[in-house]
Amino acid sequence: MSRGATILAEVTGYGAATDLHHLTQPHPQGDAALISMTRACMEADVPPSQVQYINSHGTGTPLNDVAEGMAIQRWAGPHTTGLMVSSTKGAIGHLLGGAGAVEAAICVIALREGFVPPNSPVSNPDPVCTFDLVREPRHAELDCVLTNSFGFGGANATLVLQSTPSRP
């Protein structure tokens, strides 16, 4: 602020967990994903009911997407059905080590511009998608979003980003 920079959003929480299930496959119930989301929200002091949108890791692979979907269900509990979720990887590709940074930037833009980016076309969503799978661009006033980044070797990380109130 003192240097006159515009604050675009605030990273209010970070969580990480290691999935020891398999080198390249997540635990089927998404245990490490659940832990990383929970830790990020605990650090941000944000309950699942306050998160409006998740930019999921969403690689489009059956094992990863189902495990993440299970983790989202377990994490959000009764708030799952109203939670907007999409993955931007289908539109931009999987940038490997750079994916998390780009997806965090997309979340900042979503917070600032009031929109939710869509998932690439999905004709038959998996039954694990009990959340609001965003399939078309959508206007939404967002205050709190979460982004998941999961990698080989069991590295799981989650960020909570929040819009910043107008400051004088």
N, C-alpha and C. Protein backbone atom coordinates (compact mmCIF):
# COMPACT_ATOMS: atom_id res chain seq x y z
N MET A 1 0.82 -1.19 0.00
CA MET A 1 0.00 0.00 0.00
C MET A 1 0.86 1.25 0.00
N SER A 2 1.90 1.26 0.81
CA SER A 2 2.70 2.48 0.93
C SER A 2 3.41 2.83 -0.37
N ARG A 3 3.61 1.86 -1.25
CA ARG A 3 4.26 2.17 -2.52
C ARG A 3 3.26 2.46 -3.62
N GLY A 4 1.98 2.49 -3.27
CA GLY A 4 0.95 2.85 -4.23
C GLY A 4 0.47 1.70 -5.10
N ALA A 5 0.84 0.48 -4.78
CA ALA A 5 0.42 -0.67 -5.57
C ALA A 5 -1.04 -0.99 -5.32
N THR A 6 -1.70 -1.47 -6.34
CA THR A 6 -3.07 -1.93 -6.20
C THR A 6 -3.05 -3.37 -5.72
N ILE A 7 -3.76 -3.63 -4.63
CA ILE A 7 -3.85 -4.99 -4.11
C ILE A 7 -4.95 -5.70 -4.88
N LEU A 8 -4.60 -6.78 -5.55
CA LEU A 8 -5.55 -7.49 -6.39
C LEU A 8 -6.35 -8.53 -5.62
N ALA A 9 -5.72 -9.20 -4.69
CA ALA A 9 -6.35 -10.21 -3.85
C ALA A 9 -5.36 -10.54 -2.75
N GLU A 10 -5.82 -11.31 -1.80
CA GLU A 10 -4.95 -11.69 -0.68
C GLU A 10 -4.93 -13.20 -0.54
N VAL A 11 -3.74 -13.76 -0.43
CA VAL A 11 -3.61 -15.18 -0.11
C VAL A 11 -3.73 -15.26 1.41
N THR A 12 -4.84 -15.84 1.86
CA THR A 12 -5.10 -15.86 3.30
C THR A 12 -4.84 -17.22 3.93
N GLY A 13 -4.65 -18.24 3.09
CA GLY A 13 -4.39 -19.56 3.64
C GLY A 13 -3.61 -20.44 2.68
N TYR A 14 -2.78 -21.30 3.27
CA TYR A 14 -2.00 -22.27 2.51
C TYR A 14 -2.01 -23.58 3.28
N GLY A 15 -2.22 -24.65 2.57
CA GLY A 15 -2.16 -25.97 3.19
C GLY A 15 -1.44 -26.94 2.28
N ALA A 16 -0.72 -27.87 2.87
CA ALA A 16 0.00 -28.88 2.09
C ALA A 16 -0.10 -30.22 2.80
N ALA A 17 -0.01 -31.26 2.00
CA ALA A 17 -0.02 -32.63 2.54
C ALA A 17 0.65 -33.54 1.52
N THR A 18 1.24 -34.60 2.01
CA THR A 18 1.88 -35.59 1.14
C THR A 18 1.02 -36.84 1.10
N ASP A 19 0.72 -37.27 -0.12
CA ASP A 19 -0.06 -38.48 -0.33
C ASP A 19 0.91 -39.64 -0.48
N LEU A 20 0.95 -40.52 0.49
CA LEU A 20 1.87 -41.64 0.48
C LEU A 20 1.28 -42.90 -0.14
N HIS A 21 0.09 -42.76 -0.74
CA HIS A 21 -0.62 -43.92 -1.29
C HIS A 21 0.15 -44.57 -2.44
N HIS A 22 0.64 -43.77 -3.38
CA HIS A 22 1.30 -44.28 -4.58
C HIS A 22 2.06 -43.11 -5.21
N LEU A 23 3.12 -43.40 -5.93
CA LEU A 23 3.93 -42.35 -6.52
C LEU A 23 3.17 -41.47 -7.50
N THR A 24 2.27 -42.08 -8.31
CA THR A 24 1.56 -41.29 -9.32
C THR A 24 0.04 -41.35 -9.21
N GLN A 25 -0.48 -42.05 -8.22
CA GLN A 25 -1.93 -42.16 -8.05
C GLN A 25 -2.33 -41.66 -6.67
N PRO A 26 -3.38 -40.83 -6.61
CA PRO A 26 -3.82 -40.35 -5.30
C PRO A 26 -4.57 -41.44 -4.53
N HIS A 27 -4.66 -41.27 -3.25
CA HIS A 27 -5.50 -42.15 -2.45
C HIS A 27 -6.92 -42.06 -3.02
N PRO A 28 -7.63 -43.17 -3.20
CA PRO A 28 -8.95 -43.13 -3.84
C PRO A 28 -9.96 -42.20 -3.16
N GLN A 29 -9.83 -42.00 -1.86
CA GLN A 29 -10.75 -41.11 -1.15
C GLN A 29 -10.22 -39.67 -1.08
N GLY A 30 -9.05 -39.42 -1.66
CA GLY A 30 -8.50 -38.07 -1.68
C GLY A 30 -8.01 -37.59 -0.33
N ASP A 31 -7.44 -38.48 0.47
CA ASP A 31 -7.04 -38.13 1.83
C ASP A 31 -6.10 -36.92 1.91
N ALA A 32 -5.05 -36.90 1.10
CA ALA A 32 -4.09 -35.78 1.16
C ALA A 32 -4.73 -34.50 0.63
N ALA A 33 -5.57 -34.61 -0.38
CA ALA A 33 -6.28 -33.43 -0.89
C ALA A 33 -7.17 -32.84 0.20
N LEU A 34 -7.86 -33.71 0.91
CA LEU A 34 -8.71 -33.27 2.02
C LEU A 34 -7.88 -32.54 3.08
N ILE A 35 -6.74 -33.09 3.41
CA ILE A 35 -5.88 -32.46 4.43
C ILE A 35 -5.38 -31.11 3.95
N SER A 36 -4.95 -31.00 2.69
CA SER A 36 -4.42 -29.72 2.22
C SER A 36 -5.52 -28.65 2.18
N MET A 37 -6.73 -29.01 1.76
CA MET A 37 -7.84 -28.04 1.75
C MET A 37 -8.20 -27.62 3.17
N THR A 38 -8.24 -28.59 4.07
CA THR A 38 -8.59 -28.30 5.46
C THR A 38 -7.54 -27.39 6.10
N ARG A 39 -6.27 -27.68 5.89
CA ARG A 39 -5.21 -26.86 6.47
C ARG A 39 -5.23 -25.43 5.91
N ALA A 40 -5.45 -25.29 4.62
CA ALA A 40 -5.50 -23.96 4.02
C ALA A 40 -6.64 -23.14 4.62
N CYS A 41 -7.79 -23.77 4.78
CA CYS A 41 -8.94 -23.05 5.33
C CYS A 41 -8.77 -22.75 6.81
N MET A 42 -8.11 -23.65 7.54
CA MET A 42 -7.84 -23.37 8.95
C MET A 42 -6.91 -22.16 9.07
N GLU A 43 -5.87 -22.10 8.25
CA GLU A 43 -4.96 -20.96 8.30
C GLU A 43 -5.67 -19.66 7.93
N ALA A 44 -6.60 -19.74 6.96
CA ALA A 44 -7.34 -18.55 6.53
C ALA A 44 -8.48 -18.21 7.47
N ASP A 45 -8.78 -19.11 8.41
CA ASP A 45 -9.92 -18.96 9.31
C ASP A 45 -11.22 -18.82 8.50
N VAL A 46 -11.35 -19.73 7.52
CA VAL A 46 -12.49 -19.72 6.61
C VAL A 46 -13.14 -21.11 6.64
N PRO A 47 -14.42 -21.21 6.99
CA PRO A 47 -15.09 -22.51 6.93
C PRO A 47 -15.46 -22.83 5.48
N PRO A 48 -15.67 -24.10 5.16
CA PRO A 48 -16.06 -24.46 3.79
C PRO A 48 -17.27 -23.68 3.28
N SER A 49 -18.19 -23.35 4.15
CA SER A 49 -19.39 -22.62 3.72
C SER A 49 -19.09 -21.23 3.18
N GLN A 50 -17.92 -20.69 3.46
CA GLN A 50 -17.55 -19.36 3.00
C GLN A 50 -16.86 -19.39 1.63
N VAL A 51 -16.35 -20.55 1.24
CA VAL A 51 -15.70 -20.69 -0.07
C VAL A 51 -16.77 -20.81 -1.14
N GLN A 52 -16.68 -19.98 -2.16
CA GLN A 52 -17.70 -19.96 -3.20
C GLN A 52 -17.30 -20.75 -4.45
N TYR A 53 -15.99 -20.83 -4.69
CA TYR A 53 -15.51 -21.45 -5.93
C TYR A 53 -14.20 -22.17 -5.66
N ILE A 54 -14.04 -23.34 -6.30
CA ILE A 54 -12.78 -24.07 -6.27
C ILE A 54 -12.28 -24.23 -7.69
N ASN A 55 -11.06 -23.77 -7.93
CA ASN A 55 -10.36 -24.10 -9.17
C ASN A 55 -9.67 -25.42 -8.87
N SER A 56 -10.29 -26.50 -9.32
CA SER A 56 -9.79 -27.82 -8.97
C SER A 56 -8.52 -28.16 -9.74
N HIS A 57 -7.77 -29.11 -9.22
CA HIS A 57 -6.59 -29.59 -9.93
C HIS A 57 -7.04 -30.17 -11.26
N GLY A 58 -8.11 -30.96 -11.24
CA GLY A 58 -8.83 -31.41 -12.41
C GLY A 58 -8.04 -31.73 -13.66
N THR A 59 -7.29 -32.82 -13.64
CA THR A 59 -6.48 -33.18 -14.80
C THR A 59 -7.27 -33.89 -15.89
N GLY A 60 -8.50 -34.27 -15.60
CA GLY A 60 -9.29 -34.99 -16.58
C GLY A 60 -8.99 -36.48 -16.60
N THR A 61 -8.30 -36.98 -15.58
CA THR A 61 -8.01 -38.41 -15.50
C THR A 61 -8.92 -39.03 -14.45
N PRO A 62 -9.39 -40.25 -14.69
CA PRO A 62 -10.36 -40.85 -13.77
C PRO A 62 -9.87 -40.96 -12.33
N LEU A 63 -8.65 -41.41 -12.10
CA LEU A 63 -8.20 -41.58 -10.72
C LEU A 63 -8.05 -40.24 -10.00
N ASN A 64 -7.44 -39.27 -10.65
CA ASN A 64 -7.21 -37.97 -10.00
C ASN A 64 -8.51 -37.21 -9.77
N ASP A 65 -9.36 -37.14 -10.80
CA ASP A 65 -10.58 -36.36 -10.67
C ASP A 65 -11.55 -36.95 -9.66
N VAL A 66 -11.68 -38.27 -9.64
CA VAL A 66 -12.58 -38.91 -8.67
C VAL A 66 -12.05 -38.71 -7.25
N ALA A 67 -10.74 -38.87 -7.05
CA ALA A 67 -10.17 -38.67 -5.71
C ALA A 67 -10.37 -37.23 -5.25
N GLU A 68 -10.16 -36.26 -6.15
CA GLU A 68 -10.36 -34.86 -5.77
C GLU A 68 -11.84 -34.59 -5.50
N GLY A 69 -12.72 -35.17 -6.31
CA GLY A 69 -14.15 -35.01 -6.07
C GLY A 69 -14.57 -35.57 -4.72
N MET A 70 -14.01 -36.72 -4.36
CA MET A 70 -14.30 -37.32 -3.05
C MET A 70 -13.79 -36.40 -1.93
N ALA A 71 -12.60 -35.85 -2.13
CA ALA A 71 -12.03 -34.95 -1.12
C ALA A 71 -12.90 -33.70 -0.96
N ILE A 72 -13.37 -33.15 -2.07
CA ILE A 72 -14.24 -31.96 -2.00
C ILE A 72 -15.51 -32.28 -1.25
N GLN A 73 -16.12 -33.44 -1.54
CA GLN A 73 -17.33 -33.84 -0.83
C GLN A 73 -17.09 -33.95 0.67
N ARG A 74 -16.00 -34.59 1.04
CA ARG A 74 -15.69 -34.78 2.46
C ARG A 74 -15.39 -33.46 3.13
N TRP A 75 -14.68 -32.57 2.43
CA TRP A 75 -14.30 -31.27 2.99
C TRP A 75 -15.50 -30.34 3.13
N ALA A 76 -16.32 -30.25 2.08
CA ALA A 76 -17.43 -29.29 2.08
C ALA A 76 -18.66 -29.82 2.80
N GLY A 77 -18.79 -31.13 2.93
CA GLY A 77 -19.94 -31.69 3.64
C GLY A 77 -21.26 -31.20 3.07
N PRO A 78 -22.13 -30.65 3.92
CA PRO A 78 -23.45 -30.22 3.45
C PRO A 78 -23.41 -29.03 2.49
N HIS A 79 -22.28 -28.40 2.34
CA HIS A 79 -22.15 -27.24 1.45
C HIS A 79 -21.71 -27.64 0.04
N THR A 80 -21.54 -28.94 -0.19
CA THR A 80 -21.02 -29.42 -1.48
C THR A 80 -21.90 -29.00 -2.65
N THR A 81 -23.21 -29.15 -2.54
CA THR A 81 -24.09 -28.92 -3.69
C THR A 81 -24.08 -27.48 -4.18
N GLY A 82 -23.85 -26.52 -3.33
CA GLY A 82 -23.84 -25.12 -3.74
C GLY A 82 -22.47 -24.59 -4.13
N LEU A 83 -21.46 -25.42 -4.06
CA LEU A 83 -20.09 -25.01 -4.31
C LEU A 83 -19.76 -25.10 -5.80
N MET A 84 -19.35 -23.97 -6.39
CA MET A 84 -18.97 -23.95 -7.80
C MET A 84 -17.55 -24.50 -7.94
N VAL A 85 -17.37 -25.42 -8.90
CA VAL A 85 -16.07 -26.06 -9.13
C VAL A 85 -15.83 -26.14 -10.63
N SER A 86 -14.62 -25.83 -11.03
CA SER A 86 -14.20 -26.08 -12.42
C SER A 86 -12.70 -26.25 -12.43
N SER A 87 -12.22 -26.80 -13.54
CA SER A 87 -10.78 -26.91 -13.77
C SER A 87 -10.46 -26.17 -15.05
N THR A 88 -9.42 -25.39 -15.04
CA THR A 88 -9.04 -24.64 -16.23
C THR A 88 -8.02 -25.38 -17.09
N LYS A 89 -7.54 -26.52 -16.61
CA LYS A 89 -6.53 -27.27 -17.37
C LYS A 89 -7.01 -27.70 -18.75
N GLY A 90 -8.29 -28.02 -18.89
CA GLY A 90 -8.82 -28.44 -20.18
C GLY A 90 -8.73 -27.34 -21.22
N ALA A 91 -8.72 -26.09 -20.78
CA ALA A 91 -8.64 -24.97 -21.71
C ALA A 91 -7.20 -24.51 -21.95
N ILE A 92 -6.36 -24.63 -20.93
CA ILE A 92 -4.99 -24.10 -21.08
C ILE A 92 -3.92 -25.17 -21.09
N GLY A 93 -4.31 -26.40 -20.81
CA GLY A 93 -3.34 -27.49 -20.74
C GLY A 93 -2.77 -27.61 -19.34
N HIS A 94 -2.03 -28.68 -19.12
CA HIS A 94 -1.40 -28.91 -17.82
C HIS A 94 0.01 -28.36 -17.91
N LEU A 95 0.27 -27.32 -17.17
CA LEU A 95 1.56 -26.64 -17.23
C LEU A 95 2.57 -27.21 -16.26
N LEU A 96 2.28 -28.40 -15.73
CA LEU A 96 3.16 -29.10 -14.80
C LEU A 96 3.55 -28.19 -13.64
N GLY A 97 4.83 -27.89 -13.44
CA GLY A 97 5.26 -27.10 -12.31
C GLY A 97 4.73 -25.68 -12.29
N GLY A 98 4.29 -25.17 -13.45
CA GLY A 98 3.75 -23.82 -13.52
C GLY A 98 2.24 -23.74 -13.36
N ALA A 99 1.58 -24.89 -13.29
CA ALA A 99 0.12 -24.92 -13.26
C ALA A 99 -0.45 -24.16 -12.06
N GLY A 100 0.12 -24.37 -10.89
CA GLY A 100 -0.41 -23.74 -9.69
C GLY A 100 -0.35 -22.22 -9.75
N ALA A 101 0.74 -21.68 -10.29
CA ALA A 101 0.88 -20.22 -10.39
C ALA A 101 -0.16 -19.64 -11.36
N VAL A 102 -0.32 -20.28 -12.50
CA VAL A 102 -1.29 -19.80 -13.49
C VAL A 102 -2.71 -19.91 -12.94
N GLU A 103 -3.02 -21.02 -12.27
CA GLU A 103 -4.35 -21.20 -11.72
C GLU A 103 -4.63 -20.23 -10.57
N ALA A 104 -3.63 -19.88 -9.79
CA ALA A 104 -3.80 -18.85 -8.76
C ALA A 104 -4.09 -17.50 -9.42
N ALA A 105 -3.40 -17.20 -10.52
CA ALA A 105 -3.66 -15.95 -11.25
C ALA A 105 -5.08 -15.94 -11.81
N ILE A 106 -5.55 -17.07 -12.31
CA ILE A 106 -6.92 -17.17 -12.81
C ILE A 106 -7.91 -16.90 -11.68
N CYS A 107 -7.61 -17.41 -10.49
CA CYS A 107 -8.49 -17.17 -9.33
C CYS A 107 -8.52 -15.68 -8.96
N VAL A 108 -7.37 -15.03 -9.04
CA VAL A 108 -7.32 -13.59 -8.75
C VAL A 108 -8.18 -12.83 -9.76
N ILE A 109 -8.06 -13.19 -11.03
CA ILE A 109 -8.88 -12.54 -12.07
C ILE A 109 -10.36 -12.81 -11.81
N ALA A 110 -10.71 -14.03 -11.44
CA ALA A 110 -12.10 -14.36 -11.15
C ALA A 110 -12.63 -13.50 -9.99
N LEU A 111 -11.82 -13.33 -8.94
CA LEU A 111 -12.22 -12.49 -7.81
C LEU A 111 -12.42 -11.04 -8.25
N ARG A 112 -11.49 -10.53 -9.03
CA ARG A 112 -11.52 -9.12 -9.45
C ARG A 112 -12.62 -8.82 -10.46
N GLU A 113 -12.83 -9.76 -11.39
CA GLU A 113 -13.75 -9.50 -12.50
C GLU A 113 -15.15 -10.06 -12.29
N GLY A 114 -15.34 -10.84 -11.23
CA GLY A 114 -16.68 -11.36 -10.93
C GLY A 114 -17.17 -12.42 -11.90
N PHE A 115 -16.31 -13.38 -12.18
CA PHE A 115 -16.75 -14.47 -13.04
C PHE A 115 -16.13 -15.78 -12.58
N VAL A 116 -16.77 -16.88 -13.00
CA VAL A 116 -16.24 -18.21 -12.72
C VAL A 116 -15.88 -18.82 -14.07
N PRO A 117 -14.61 -19.22 -14.24
CA PRO A 117 -14.21 -19.84 -15.50
C PRO A 117 -14.82 -21.23 -15.62
N PRO A 118 -15.18 -21.62 -16.84
CA PRO A 118 -15.80 -22.93 -17.02
C PRO A 118 -14.80 -24.06 -17.12
N ASN A 119 -15.29 -25.23 -16.84
CA ASN A 119 -14.58 -26.47 -17.13
C ASN A 119 -14.71 -26.69 -18.63
N SER A 120 -13.75 -27.32 -19.26
CA SER A 120 -13.93 -27.69 -20.66
C SER A 120 -15.17 -28.57 -20.77
N PRO A 121 -15.76 -28.61 -21.93
CA PRO A 121 -17.01 -29.37 -22.07
C PRO A 121 -16.90 -30.79 -21.50
N VAL A 122 -17.87 -31.11 -20.68
CA VAL A 122 -17.97 -32.43 -20.08
C VAL A 122 -19.36 -32.95 -20.44
N SER A 123 -19.41 -34.01 -21.23
CA SER A 123 -20.73 -34.50 -21.62
C SER A 123 -21.36 -35.39 -20.57
N ASN A 124 -20.55 -36.17 -19.88
CA ASN A 124 -21.09 -37.07 -18.86
C ASN A 124 -20.28 -36.94 -17.57
N PRO A 125 -20.64 -35.99 -16.71
CA PRO A 125 -19.89 -35.84 -15.46
C PRO A 125 -19.95 -37.11 -14.62
N ASP A 126 -18.86 -37.39 -13.95
CA ASP A 126 -18.81 -38.54 -13.05
C ASP A 126 -19.80 -38.30 -11.91
N PRO A 127 -20.41 -39.36 -11.40
CA PRO A 127 -21.35 -39.20 -10.28
C PRO A 127 -20.73 -38.54 -9.04
N VAL A 128 -19.39 -38.51 -8.94
CA VAL A 128 -18.75 -37.85 -7.80
C VAL A 128 -18.95 -36.33 -7.86
N CYS A 129 -19.36 -35.82 -9.01
CA CYS A 129 -19.57 -34.38 -9.16
C CYS A 129 -20.91 -33.96 -8.57
N THR A 130 -21.01 -34.02 -7.26
CA THR A 130 -22.23 -33.60 -6.58
C THR A 130 -22.21 -32.11 -6.28
N PHE A 131 -21.11 -31.45 -6.63
CA PHE A 131 -21.00 -30.00 -6.52
C PHE A 131 -21.51 -29.38 -7.81
N ASP A 132 -21.51 -28.05 -7.88
CA ASP A 132 -21.94 -27.32 -9.06
C ASP A 132 -20.79 -27.25 -10.05
N LEU A 133 -20.72 -28.21 -10.98
CA LEU A 133 -19.67 -28.24 -11.98
C LEU A 133 -19.96 -27.16 -13.02
N VAL A 134 -19.14 -26.14 -13.05
CA VAL A 134 -19.35 -24.98 -13.93
C VAL A 134 -18.92 -25.37 -15.34
N ARG A 135 -19.89 -25.38 -16.28
CA ARG A 135 -19.59 -25.80 -17.64
C ARG A 135 -19.68 -24.67 -18.66
N GLU A 136 -20.18 -23.53 -18.24
CA GLU A 136 -20.26 -22.34 -19.08
C GLU A 136 -19.74 -21.17 -18.24
N PRO A 137 -19.11 -20.17 -18.88
CA PRO A 137 -18.67 -19.01 -18.09
C PRO A 137 -19.87 -18.43 -17.34
N ARG A 138 -19.62 -17.94 -16.15
CA ARG A 138 -20.72 -17.49 -15.30
C ARG A 138 -20.32 -16.25 -14.52
N HIS A 139 -21.24 -15.31 -14.44
CA HIS A 139 -21.02 -14.14 -13.60
C HIS A 139 -21.27 -14.55 -12.15
N ALA A 140 -20.38 -14.14 -11.26
CA ALA A 140 -20.57 -14.42 -9.83
C ALA A 140 -19.70 -13.45 -9.04
N GLU A 141 -20.29 -12.80 -8.07
CA GLU A 141 -19.52 -11.94 -7.18
C GLU A 141 -18.82 -12.85 -6.18
N LEU A 142 -17.52 -12.94 -6.29
CA LEU A 142 -16.75 -13.84 -5.45
C LEU A 142 -15.97 -13.07 -4.40
N ASP A 143 -15.93 -13.62 -3.20
CA ASP A 143 -15.13 -13.06 -2.11
C ASP A 143 -14.05 -14.01 -1.65
N CYS A 144 -14.28 -15.32 -1.83
CA CYS A 144 -13.36 -16.32 -1.29
C CYS A 144 -13.32 -17.52 -2.22
N VAL A 145 -12.12 -17.84 -2.72
CA VAL A 145 -11.95 -18.97 -3.61
C VAL A 145 -10.79 -19.83 -3.14
N LEU A 146 -10.75 -21.04 -3.65
CA LEU A 146 -9.71 -21.99 -3.27
C LEU A 146 -9.14 -22.57 -4.56
N THR A 147 -7.85 -22.82 -4.59
CA THR A 147 -7.25 -23.47 -5.74
C THR A 147 -6.38 -24.63 -5.27
N ASN A 148 -6.56 -25.77 -5.94
CA ASN A 148 -5.83 -27.00 -5.61
C ASN A 148 -4.75 -27.28 -6.64
N SER A 149 -3.59 -27.70 -6.17
CA SER A 149 -2.49 -28.13 -7.04
C SER A 149 -1.92 -29.41 -6.46
N PHE A 150 -2.02 -30.48 -7.22
CA PHE A 150 -1.55 -31.78 -6.76
C PHE A 150 -0.55 -32.33 -7.78
N GLY A 151 0.48 -32.99 -7.31
CA GLY A 151 1.50 -33.45 -8.23
C GLY A 151 1.99 -34.85 -7.96
N PHE A 152 2.78 -35.36 -8.92
CA PHE A 152 3.40 -36.67 -8.75
C PHE A 152 4.25 -36.67 -7.49
N GLY A 153 4.40 -37.82 -6.92
CA GLY A 153 5.15 -37.94 -5.68
C GLY A 153 4.29 -37.61 -4.48
N GLY A 154 3.00 -37.31 -4.72
CA GLY A 154 2.08 -37.06 -3.62
C GLY A 154 2.07 -35.65 -3.09
N ALA A 155 2.65 -34.70 -3.82
CA ALA A 155 2.66 -33.30 -3.35
C ALA A 155 1.29 -32.68 -3.57
N ASN A 156 0.67 -32.22 -2.50
CA ASN A 156 -0.65 -31.59 -2.56
C ASN A 156 -0.57 -30.23 -1.90
N ALA A 157 -1.08 -29.21 -2.58
CA ALA A 157 -1.08 -27.85 -2.03
C ALA A 157 -2.39 -27.17 -2.37
N THR A 158 -2.85 -26.35 -1.45
CA THR A 158 -4.09 -25.59 -1.61
C THR A 158 -3.87 -24.17 -1.14
N LEU A 159 -4.41 -23.22 -1.89
CA LEU A 159 -4.40 -21.81 -1.49
C LEU A 159 -5.83 -21.33 -1.30
N VAL A 160 -6.03 -20.46 -0.32
CA VAL A 160 -7.28 -19.72 -0.18
C VAL A 160 -6.95 -18.29 -0.57
N LEU A 161 -7.72 -17.76 -1.52
CA LEU A 161 -7.55 -16.37 -1.95
C LEU A 161 -8.84 -15.63 -1.67
N GLN A 162 -8.70 -14.39 -1.20
CA GLN A 162 -9.88 -13.59 -0.90
C GLN A 162 -9.73 -12.21 -1.52
N SER A 163 -10.88 -11.65 -1.90
CA SER A 163 -10.86 -10.29 -2.40
C SER A 163 -10.51 -9.36 -1.24
N THR A 164 -9.97 -8.24 -1.57
CA THR A 164 -9.60 -7.29 -0.53
C THR A 164 -10.62 -6.15 -0.53
N PRO A 165 -11.01 -5.72 0.64
CA PRO A 165 -11.95 -4.60 0.69
C PRO A 165 -11.28 -3.33 0.17
N SER A 166 -12.10 -2.43 -0.32
CA SER A 166 -11.55 -1.14 -0.77
C SER A 166 -10.89 -0.44 0.38
N ARG A 167 -9.71 0.04 0.14
CA ARG A 167 -8.96 0.74 1.19
C ARG A 167 -8.70 2.16 0.76
N PRO A 168 -8.69 3.11 1.69
CA PRO A 168 -8.48 4.51 1.32
C PRO A 168 -7.10 4.74 0.74
